[in-house]
Amino acid sequence: MTYRTIRFDLSDDVATITLNRPDRMNALTPLVLEEASTAIDQALGDGARALMLTGEGRAFCSGADLVPDEYGYAGLPDDLGELLDSHYHPFIRKLAGLDIPVVSAINGPAVGAGMGLALTADLTVMARSAYLLLAFVNIGLVPDAGVTWLIAKGAGRAQAMEMALLGDRISAEDARAMGLINRVVDDMAVLEEARGLALRLARGPTVAIGMIRKQVAAALNHTLDETLDAECRNQSRAGRSQDFREAIAAFGEKRKPIFKGR
């Protein structure tokens, strides 16, 4: 399939979606989100076992595009809430609900809603020169695309308030210290590092991995009893998987298991 605002690649069971509007710092429009959503469907249909998100050029994503473009985008509408409800929220929910793991390669600035996309991933690798920025307050808006939840859960209330109210840049090292991202690497190594993680996940027991990502997210809001119940349900399913049977066989045969994601 031909895409106009993204690039799609699938190799070694890892699907890579690259936001491809470098002249606009990969700013988001409804078309970008629609194409990225279609690419996810394509990846799943083609058997992808892990997904990687990144951006083309010097930015990961600068957030929502503020001005019209050549593909029919007329700029931001009067009702921004409707735009979120019709395009941004469905895509964020789709990412969060996937049964395959997601890795983000934050190759440059991740701003506003772009920060939401980056941090929705399960594992995040950030270039040393990149930064995060909740720019909403600087233009009279409130955080969206899930970043309120992501930052408050990842870094705590105090850090979330400071980032949201002051709208200052957060360096890669500070983002890692806050618990918002996993790894900081040299700029030239960010894609390789992120792809290495995605490949490792794609070769793993992806039935269990898919449940793990949702189980951890749910635990952030659940009680201990609710979490115990979720663990029980998921373990029943994982224990019946072919991957688990392969792991037991490999243990007995003193070899590494070969997981198929089934």
C-alpha atoms as a PDB file:
ATOM      1  CA  MET A   1       0.000   0.000   0.000  1.00  0.00           C
ATOM      2  CA  THR A   2       1.134   3.541  -0.781  1.00  0.00           C
ATOM      3  CA  TYR A   3       1.187   6.065   2.052  1.00  0.00           C
ATOM      4  CA  ARG A   4       1.591   9.831   1.752  1.00  0.00           C
ATOM      5  CA  THR A   5       2.490  10.879   5.297  1.00  0.00           C
ATOM      6  CA  ILE A   6       4.170   7.807   6.785  1.00  0.00           C
ATOM      7  CA  ARG A   7       6.507   5.003   5.759  1.00  0.00           C
ATOM      8  CA  PHE A   8       5.810   1.376   6.535  1.00  0.00           C
ATOM      9  CA  ASP A   9       8.269  -1.495   6.688  1.00  0.00           C
ATOM     10  CA  LEU A  10       7.923  -5.069   7.883  1.00  0.00           C
ATOM     11  CA  SER A  11      10.963  -7.283   8.312  1.00  0.00           C
ATOM     12  CA  ASP A  12      11.891 -10.025  10.785  1.00  0.00           C
ATOM     13  CA  ASP A  13       8.353  -9.807  12.238  1.00  0.00           C
ATOM     14  CA  VAL A  14       8.940  -6.159  13.268  1.00  0.00           C
ATOM     15  CA  ALA A  15       6.701  -3.526  11.688  1.00  0.00           C
ATOM     16  CA  THR A  16       8.147  -0.011  11.599  1.00  0.00           C
ATOM     17  CA  ILE A  17       5.939   3.040  11.138  1.00  0.00           C
ATOM     18  CA  THR A  18       7.904   6.199  10.416  1.00  0.00           C
ATOM     19  CA  LEU A  19       6.124   9.547  10.534  1.00  0.00           C
ATOM     20  CA  ASN A  20       7.239  11.052   7.255  1.00  0.00           C
ATOM     21  CA  ARG A  21       6.631  14.798   7.156  1.00  0.00           C
ATOM     22  CA  PRO A  22      10.139  16.026   7.959  1.00  0.00           C
ATOM     23  CA  ASP A  23       9.456  19.505   6.557  1.00  0.00           C
ATOM     24  CA  ARG A  24       6.771  19.882   9.281  1.00  0.00           C
ATOM     25  CA  MET A  25       8.770  18.055  11.977  1.00  0.00           C
ATOM     26  CA  ASN A  26       6.348  15.160  11.452  1.00  0.00           C
ATOM     27  CA  ALA A  27       3.410  17.159  12.767  1.00  0.00           C
ATOM     28  CA  LEU A  28       0.139  15.269  13.127  1.00  0.00           C
ATOM     29  CA  THR A  29      -2.962  15.663  10.990  1.00  0.00           C
ATOM     30  CA  PRO A  30      -6.041  13.428  10.706  1.00  0.00           C
ATOM     31  CA  LEU A  31      -4.497  11.885   7.586  1.00  0.00           C
ATOM     32  CA  VAL A  32      -1.292  10.986   9.439  1.00  0.00           C
ATOM     33  CA  LEU A  33      -3.284   9.222  12.140  1.00  0.00           C
ATOM     34  CA  GLU A  34      -5.526   7.490   9.601  1.00  0.00           C
ATOM     35  CA  GLU A  35      -2.547   6.220   7.637  1.00  0.00           C
ATOM     36  CA  ALA A  36      -0.732   5.101  10.773  1.00  0.00           C
ATOM     37  CA  SER A  37      -3.858   3.247  11.886  1.00  0.00           C
ATOM     38  CA  THR A  38      -4.136   1.544   8.498  1.00  0.00           C
ATOM     39  CA  ALA A  39      -0.446   0.609   8.698  1.00  0.00           C
ATOM     40  CA  ILE A  40      -1.027  -1.043  12.070  1.00  0.00           C
ATOM     41  CA  ASP A  41      -3.833  -3.095  10.524  1.00  0.00           C
ATOM     42  CA  GLN A  42      -1.506  -4.023   7.679  1.00  0.00           C
ATOM     43  CA  ALA A  43       1.190  -5.044  10.165  1.00  0.00           C
ATOM     44  CA  LEU A  44      -1.179  -7.259  12.122  1.00  0.00           C
ATOM     45  CA  GLY A  45      -2.560  -8.796   8.955  1.00  0.00           C
ATOM     46  CA  ASP A  46       0.969  -9.600   7.804  1.00  0.00           C
ATOM     47  CA  GLY A  47       1.832 -11.304  11.083  1.00  0.00           C
ATOM     48  CA  ALA A  48       3.953  -8.656  12.804  1.00  0.00           C
ATOM     49  CA  ARG A  49       4.952  -9.587  16.339  1.00  0.00           C
ATOM     50  CA  ALA A  50       6.295  -6.169  17.393  1.00  0.00           C
ATOM     51  CA  LEU A  51       5.779  -2.554  16.323  1.00  0.00           C
ATOM     52  CA  MET A  52       8.297   0.296  16.252  1.00  0.00           C
ATOM     53  CA  LEU A  53       7.401   3.990  15.947  1.00  0.00           C
ATOM     54  CA  THR A  54       9.806   6.724  14.905  1.00  0.00           C
ATOM     55  CA  GLY A  55      10.051   9.929  12.893  1.00  0.00           C
ATOM     56  CA  GLU A  56      11.843  10.960   9.737  1.00  0.00           C
ATOM     57  CA  GLY A  57      14.529  13.622   9.873  1.00  0.00           C
ATOM     58  CA  ARG A  58      15.359  15.688  12.930  1.00  0.00           C
ATOM     59  CA  ALA A  59      12.138  15.240  14.911  1.00  0.00           C
ATOM     60  CA  PHE A  60      10.018  12.443  16.284  1.00  0.00           C
ATOM     61  CA  CYS A  61       6.853  14.532  16.166  1.00  0.00           C
ATOM     62  CA  SER A  62       6.109  18.199  16.846  1.00  0.00           C
ATOM     63  CA  GLY A  63       2.488  17.569  17.838  1.00  0.00           C
ATOM     64  CA  ALA A  64      -0.622  18.685  16.004  1.00  0.00           C
ATOM     65  CA  ASP A  65      -0.033  20.619  12.797  1.00  0.00           C
ATOM     66  CA  LEU A  66      -1.260  24.194  13.181  1.00  0.00           C
ATOM     67  CA  VAL A  67      -1.403  25.186   9.505  1.00  0.00           C
ATOM     68  CA  PRO A  68      -2.983  23.750   6.335  1.00  0.00           C
ATOM     69  CA  ASP A  69      -1.064  21.347   4.108  1.00  0.00           C
ATOM     70  CA  GLU A  70      -1.117  20.104   0.520  1.00  0.00           C
ATOM     71  CA  TYR A  71      -3.173  17.001   1.346  1.00  0.00           C
ATOM     72  CA  GLY A  72      -6.386  18.840   2.141  1.00  0.00           C
ATOM     73  CA  TYR A  73      -5.748  19.532   5.804  1.00  0.00           C
ATOM     74  CA  ALA A  74      -7.386  22.859   6.631  1.00  0.00           C
ATOM     75  CA  GLY A  75      -5.638  23.427   9.946  1.00  0.00           C
ATOM     76  CA  LEU A  76      -7.076  23.009  13.423  1.00  0.00           C
ATOM     77  CA  PRO A  77     -10.903  23.143  13.613  1.00  0.00           C
ATOM     78  CA  ASP A  78     -12.895  25.327  15.988  1.00  0.00           C
ATOM     79  CA  ASP A  79     -13.809  22.350  18.177  1.00  0.00           C
ATOM     80  CA  LEU A  80     -10.537  20.734  19.216  1.00  0.00           C
ATOM     81  CA  GLY A  81     -12.335  18.263  21.461  1.00  0.00           C
ATOM     82  CA  GLU A  82     -14.168  16.833  18.475  1.00  0.00           C
ATOM     83  CA  LEU A  83     -10.846  16.414  16.660  1.00  0.00           C
ATOM     84  CA  LEU A  84      -9.446  14.497  19.617  1.00  0.00           C
ATOM     85  CA  ASP A  85     -12.521  12.308  19.865  1.00  0.00           C
ATOM     86  CA  SER A  86     -12.628  11.478  16.165  1.00  0.00           C
ATOM     87  CA  HIS A  87      -8.913  10.961  15.395  1.00  0.00           C
ATOM     88  CA  TYR A  88      -6.431  11.206  18.266  1.00  0.00           C
ATOM     89  CA  HIS A  89      -8.212   9.140  20.891  1.00  0.00           C
ATOM     90  CA  PRO A  90      -9.029   6.195  18.608  1.00  0.00           C
ATOM     91  CA  PHE A  91      -5.378   5.957  17.580  1.00  0.00           C
ATOM     92  CA  ILE A  92      -4.027   6.152  21.143  1.00  0.00           C
ATOM     93  CA  ARG A  93      -6.543   3.521  22.242  1.00  0.00           C
ATOM     94  CA  LYS A  94      -5.560   1.336  19.317  1.00  0.00           C
ATOM     95  CA  LEU A  95      -1.885   1.498  20.298  1.00  0.00           C
ATOM     96  CA  ALA A  96      -2.668   0.785  23.943  1.00  0.00           C
ATOM     97  CA  GLY A  97      -4.939  -2.128  23.051  1.00  0.00           C
ATOM     98  CA  LEU A  98      -2.544  -3.990  20.760  1.00  0.00           C
ATOM     99  CA  ASP A  99      -1.647  -7.602  21.499  1.00  0.00           C
ATOM    100  CA  ILE A 100       1.905  -6.996  20.272  1.00  0.00           C
ATOM    101  CA  PRO A 101       4.551  -4.871  22.020  1.00  0.00           C
ATOM    102  CA  VAL A 102       5.356  -1.329  20.908  1.00  0.00           C
ATOM    103  CA  VAL A 103       8.788   0.323  20.944  1.00  0.00           C
ATOM    104  CA  SER A 104       9.347   4.006  20.209  1.00  0.00           C
ATOM    105  CA  ALA A 105      12.613   5.393  18.826  1.00  0.00           C
ATOM    106  CA  ILE A 106      12.504   9.043  19.883  1.00  0.00           C
ATOM    107  CA  ASN A 107      14.994  10.353  17.339  1.00  0.00           C
ATOM    108  CA  GLY A 108      14.312  14.036  18.017  1.00  0.00           C
ATOM    109  CA  PRO A 109      11.864  16.385  19.743  1.00  0.00           C
ATOM    110  CA  ALA A 110       8.603  14.773  20.878  1.00  0.00           C
ATOM    111  CA  VAL A 111       6.223  17.644  21.502  1.00  0.00           C
ATOM    112  CA  GLY A 112       2.600  17.832  22.617  1.00  0.00           C
ATOM    113  CA  ALA A 113       0.529  15.017  21.150  1.00  0.00           C
ATOM    114  CA  GLY A 114       3.738  13.656  19.634  1.00  0.00           C
ATOM    115  CA  MET A 115       4.961  13.104  23.166  1.00  0.00           C
ATOM    116  CA  GLY A 116       1.779  11.137  23.817  1.00  0.00           C
ATOM    117  CA  LEU A 117       2.513   8.860  20.856  1.00  0.00           C
ATOM    118  CA  ALA A 118       6.099   8.322  21.976  1.00  0.00           C
ATOM    119  CA  LEU A 119       5.271   7.508  25.590  1.00  0.00           C
ATOM    120  CA  THR A 120       2.358   5.198  24.782  1.00  0.00           C
ATOM    121  CA  ALA A 121       4.975   2.655  23.688  1.00  0.00           C
ATOM    122  CA  ASP A 122       5.976  -0.102  26.089  1.00  0.00           C
ATOM    123  CA  LEU A 123       9.703   0.586  25.707  1.00  0.00           C
ATOM    124  CA  THR A 124      11.169   3.938  24.727  1.00  0.00           C
ATOM    125  CA  VAL A 125      14.645   4.710  23.420  1.00  0.00           C
ATOM    126  CA  MET A 126      15.563   8.391  23.192  1.00  0.00           C
ATOM    127  CA  ALA A 127      18.355  10.136  21.331  1.00  0.00           C
ATOM    128  CA  ARG A 128      20.665  12.088  23.597  1.00  0.00           C
ATOM    129  CA  SER A 129      19.958  15.411  21.859  1.00  0.00           C
ATOM    130  CA  ALA A 130      16.176  14.893  21.774  1.00  0.00           C
ATOM    131  CA  TYR A 131      13.750  16.454  24.220  1.00  0.00           C
ATOM    132  CA  LEU A 132      10.172  16.168  25.443  1.00  0.00           C
ATOM    133  CA  LEU A 133       7.942  19.216  25.625  1.00  0.00           C
ATOM    134  CA  LEU A 134       4.401  19.730  26.873  1.00  0.00           C
ATOM    135  CA  ALA A 135       3.900  22.830  24.795  1.00  0.00           C
ATOM    136  CA  PHE A 136       0.139  23.127  25.300  1.00  0.00           C
ATOM    137  CA  VAL A 137       0.215  25.803  27.988  1.00  0.00           C
ATOM    138  CA  ASN A 138       2.430  27.946  25.756  1.00  0.00           C
ATOM    139  CA  ILE A 139      -0.443  28.310  23.272  1.00  0.00           C
ATOM    140  CA  GLY A 140      -3.321  28.358  25.751  1.00  0.00           C
ATOM    141  CA  LEU A 141      -4.334  24.693  25.540  1.00  0.00           C
ATOM    142  CA  VAL A 142      -4.397  21.698  27.884  1.00  0.00           C
ATOM    143  CA  PRO A 143      -2.397  18.465  27.494  1.00  0.00           C
ATOM    144  CA  ASP A 144      -4.051  15.804  25.351  1.00  0.00           C
ATOM    145  CA  ALA A 145      -3.344  12.514  23.540  1.00  0.00           C
ATOM    146  CA  GLY A 146      -3.043  10.792  26.908  1.00  0.00           C
ATOM    147  CA  VAL A 147       0.023  12.658  28.140  1.00  0.00           C
ATOM    148  CA  THR A 148      -1.707  13.788  31.357  1.00  0.00           C
ATOM    149  CA  TRP A 149      -2.110  10.148  32.405  1.00  0.00           C
ATOM    150  CA  LEU A 150       1.223   8.993  31.003  1.00  0.00           C
ATOM    151  CA  ILE A 151       3.265  11.622  32.827  1.00  0.00           C
ATOM    152  CA  ALA A 152       1.340  11.541  36.094  1.00  0.00           C
ATOM    153  CA  LYS A 153       1.664   7.753  36.233  1.00  0.00           C
ATOM    154  CA  GLY A 154       5.261   7.684  35.025  1.00  0.00           C
ATOM    155  CA  ALA A 155       6.784  10.644  36.844  1.00  0.00           C
ATOM    156  CA  GLY A 156       4.262  11.556  39.548  1.00  0.00           C
ATOM    157  CA  ARG A 157       2.017  14.526  40.246  1.00  0.00           C
ATOM    158  CA  ALA A 158       4.725  17.077  41.008  1.00  0.00           C
ATOM    159  CA  GLN A 159       6.614  16.461  37.770  1.00  0.00           C
ATOM    160  CA  ALA A 160       3.391  16.352  35.759  1.00  0.00           C
ATOM    161  CA  MET A 161       2.330  19.712  37.167  1.00  0.00           C
ATOM    162  CA  GLU A 162       5.693  21.317  36.472  1.00  0.00           C
ATOM    163  CA  MET A 163       5.837  20.043  32.904  1.00  0.00           C
ATOM    164  CA  ALA A 164       2.229  20.959  32.143  1.00  0.00           C
ATOM    165  CA  LEU A 165       2.168  24.360  33.825  1.00  0.00           C
ATOM    166  CA  LEU A 166       5.589  25.666  32.801  1.00  0.00           C
ATOM    167  CA  GLY A 167       5.898  24.165  29.317  1.00  0.00           C
ATOM    168  CA  ASP A 168       9.679  23.761  29.484  1.00  0.00           C
ATOM    169  CA  ARG A 169      11.813  21.295  27.553  1.00  0.00           C
ATOM    170  CA  ILE A 170      12.779  18.049  29.273  1.00  0.00           C
ATOM    171  CA  SER A 171      16.109  16.617  28.181  1.00  0.00           C
ATOM    172  CA  ALA A 172      16.570  12.944  27.415  1.00  0.00           C
ATOM    173  CA  GLU A 173      18.605  12.385  30.581  1.00  0.00           C
ATOM    174  CA  ASP A 174      16.017  14.156  32.736  1.00  0.00           C
ATOM    175  CA  ALA A 175      13.206  12.191  31.083  1.00  0.00           C
ATOM    176  CA  ARG A 176      14.977   8.961  31.978  1.00  0.00           C
ATOM    177  CA  ALA A 177      15.596  10.112  35.547  1.00  0.00           C
ATOM    178  CA  MET A 178      11.878  10.884  35.864  1.00  0.00           C
ATOM    179  CA  GLY A 179      10.934   7.399  34.706  1.00  0.00           C
ATOM    180  CA  LEU A 180       9.290   8.582  31.488  1.00  0.00           C
ATOM    181  CA  ILE A 181      11.573   6.671  29.103  1.00  0.00           C
ATOM    182  CA  ASN A 182      13.739   3.554  29.250  1.00  0.00           C
ATOM    183  CA  ARG A 183      17.050   4.314  27.547  1.00  0.00           C
ATOM    184  CA  VAL A 184      19.160   7.236  26.327  1.00  0.00           C
ATOM    185  CA  VAL A 185      21.646   6.561  23.533  1.00  0.00           C
ATOM    186  CA  ASP A 186      23.768   8.569  21.127  1.00  0.00           C
ATOM    187  CA  ASP A 187      21.757  10.077  18.292  1.00  0.00           C
ATOM    188  CA  MET A 188      23.172   7.813  15.606  1.00  0.00           C
ATOM    189  CA  ALA A 189      22.352   4.695  17.660  1.00  0.00           C
ATOM    190  CA  VAL A 190      18.710   5.346  18.526  1.00  0.00           C
ATOM    191  CA  LEU A 191      17.137   3.421  15.640  1.00  0.00           C
ATOM    192  CA  GLU A 192      19.490   0.478  16.010  1.00  0.00           C
ATOM    193  CA  GLU A 193      18.909   0.277  19.754  1.00  0.00           C
ATOM    194  CA  ALA A 194      15.122   0.498  19.412  1.00  0.00           C
ATOM    195  CA  ARG A 195      15.032  -2.051  16.608  1.00  0.00           C
ATOM    196  CA  GLY A 196      17.174  -4.399  18.674  1.00  0.00           C
ATOM    197  CA  LEU A 197      14.596  -4.261  21.454  1.00  0.00           C
ATOM    198  CA  ALA A 198      11.748  -4.745  18.986  1.00  0.00           C
ATOM    199  CA  LEU A 199      13.487  -7.774  17.455  1.00  0.00           C
ATOM    200  CA  ARG A 200      14.037  -9.275  20.903  1.00  0.00           C
ATOM    201  CA  LEU A 201      10.357  -8.845  21.732  1.00  0.00           C
ATOM    202  CA  ALA A 202       9.247 -10.204  18.339  1.00  0.00           C
ATOM    203  CA  ARG A 203      11.230 -13.387  18.994  1.00  0.00           C
ATOM    204  CA  GLY A 204       9.746 -13.785  22.449  1.00  0.00           C
ATOM    205  CA  PRO A 205       6.534 -15.400  23.712  1.00  0.00           C
ATOM    206  CA  THR A 206       4.307 -12.725  22.227  1.00  0.00           C
ATOM    207  CA  VAL A 207       1.064 -14.193  23.580  1.00  0.00           C
ATOM    208  CA  ALA A 208       2.363 -13.584  27.101  1.00  0.00           C
ATOM    209  CA  ILE A 209       3.994 -10.273  26.121  1.00  0.00           C
ATOM    210  CA  GLY A 210       0.685  -8.953  24.794  1.00  0.00           C
ATOM    211  CA  MET A 211      -1.010  -9.776  28.076  1.00  0.00           C
ATOM    212  CA  ILE A 212       1.874  -8.350  30.121  1.00  0.00           C
ATOM    213  CA  ARG A 213       1.599  -4.914  28.475  1.00  0.00           C
ATOM    214  CA  LYS A 214      -2.117  -4.695  29.282  1.00  0.00           C
ATOM    215  CA  GLN A 215      -1.751  -6.220  32.739  1.00  0.00           C
ATOM    216  CA  VAL A 216       0.834  -3.633  33.788  1.00  0.00           C
ATOM    217  CA  ALA A 217      -1.241  -0.748  32.386  1.00  0.00           C
ATOM    218  CA  ALA A 218      -4.339  -1.978  34.228  1.00  0.00           C
ATOM    219  CA  ALA A 219      -2.407  -2.407  37.468  1.00  0.00           C
ATOM    220  CA  LEU A 220      -1.733   1.339  37.528  1.00  0.00           C
ATOM    221  CA  ASN A 221      -5.410   1.893  38.361  1.00  0.00           C
ATOM    222  CA  HIS A 222      -6.456  -1.415  39.938  1.00  0.00           C
ATOM    223  CA  THR A 223      -6.479  -2.581  43.528  1.00  0.00           C
ATOM    224  CA  LEU A 224      -4.311  -5.491  44.625  1.00  0.00           C
ATOM    225  CA  ASP A 225      -7.314  -7.836  44.537  1.00  0.00           C
ATOM    226  CA  GLU A 226      -8.242  -6.723  41.024  1.00  0.00           C
ATOM    227  CA  THR A 227      -4.660  -7.229  39.905  1.00  0.00           C
ATOM    228  CA  LEU A 228      -4.537 -10.704  41.429  1.00  0.00           C
ATOM    229  CA  ASP A 229      -7.702 -11.609  39.507  1.00  0.00           C
ATOM    230  CA  ALA A 230      -6.237 -10.284  36.253  1.00  0.00           C
ATOM    231  CA  GLU A 231      -3.012 -12.223  36.818  1.00  0.00           C
ATOM    232  CA  CYS A 232      -5.029 -15.393  37.376  1.00  0.00           C
ATOM    233  CA  ARG A 233      -7.016 -14.974  34.159  1.00  0.00           C
ATOM    234  CA  ASN A 234      -3.953 -14.165  32.097  1.00  0.00           C
ATOM    235  CA  GLN A 235      -1.886 -16.969  33.590  1.00  0.00           C
ATOM    236  CA  SER A 236      -4.591 -19.479  32.719  1.00  0.00           C
ATOM    237  CA  ARG A 237      -4.385 -18.393  29.097  1.00  0.00           C
ATOM    238  CA  ALA A 238      -0.572 -18.195  29.021  1.00  0.00           C
ATOM    239  CA  GLY A 239      -0.274 -21.646  30.564  1.00  0.00           C
ATOM    240  CA  ARG A 240      -2.223 -23.118  27.645  1.00  0.00           C
ATOM    241  CA  SER A 241      -0.099 -21.453  24.963  1.00  0.00           C
ATOM    242  CA  GLN A 242       2.209 -23.286  22.605  1.00  0.00           C
ATOM    243  CA  ASP A 243       4.982 -20.922  23.685  1.00  0.00           C
ATOM    244  CA  PHE A 244       4.760 -22.170  27.273  1.00  0.00           C
ATOM    245  CA  ARG A 245       4.816 -25.797  26.158  1.00  0.00           C
ATOM    246  CA  GLU A 246       7.854 -25.017  23.997  1.00  0.00           C
ATOM    247  CA  ALA A 247       9.584 -23.377  26.968  1.00  0.00           C
ATOM    248  CA  ILE A 248       9.017 -26.455  29.126  1.00  0.00           C
ATOM    249  CA  ALA A 249      10.305 -28.742  26.369  1.00  0.00           C
ATOM    250  CA  ALA A 250      13.360 -26.541  25.824  1.00  0.00           C
ATOM    251  CA  PHE A 251      14.111 -26.554  29.555  1.00  0.00           C
ATOM    252  CA  GLY A 252      14.051 -30.336  29.613  1.00  0.00           C
ATOM    253  CA  GLU A 253      16.228 -30.535  26.515  1.00  0.00           C
ATOM    254  CA  LYS A 254      18.657 -27.889  27.823  1.00  0.00           C
ATOM    255  CA  ARG A 255      18.255 -25.568  24.833  1.00  0.00           C
ATOM    256  CA  LYS A 256      16.851 -22.120  24.166  1.00  0.00           C
ATOM    257  CA  PRO A 257      13.131 -22.057  23.381  1.00  0.00           C
ATOM    258  CA  ILE A 258      11.936 -21.080  19.912  1.00  0.00           C
ATOM    259  CA  PHE A 259       8.779 -19.045  20.442  1.00  0.00           C
ATOM    260  CA  LYS A 260       6.156 -18.744  17.699  1.00  0.00           C
ATOM    261  CA  GLY A 261       3.774 -16.331  19.341  1.00  0.00           C
ATOM    262  CA  ARG A 262       1.037 -18.929  19.667  1.00  0.00           C
END
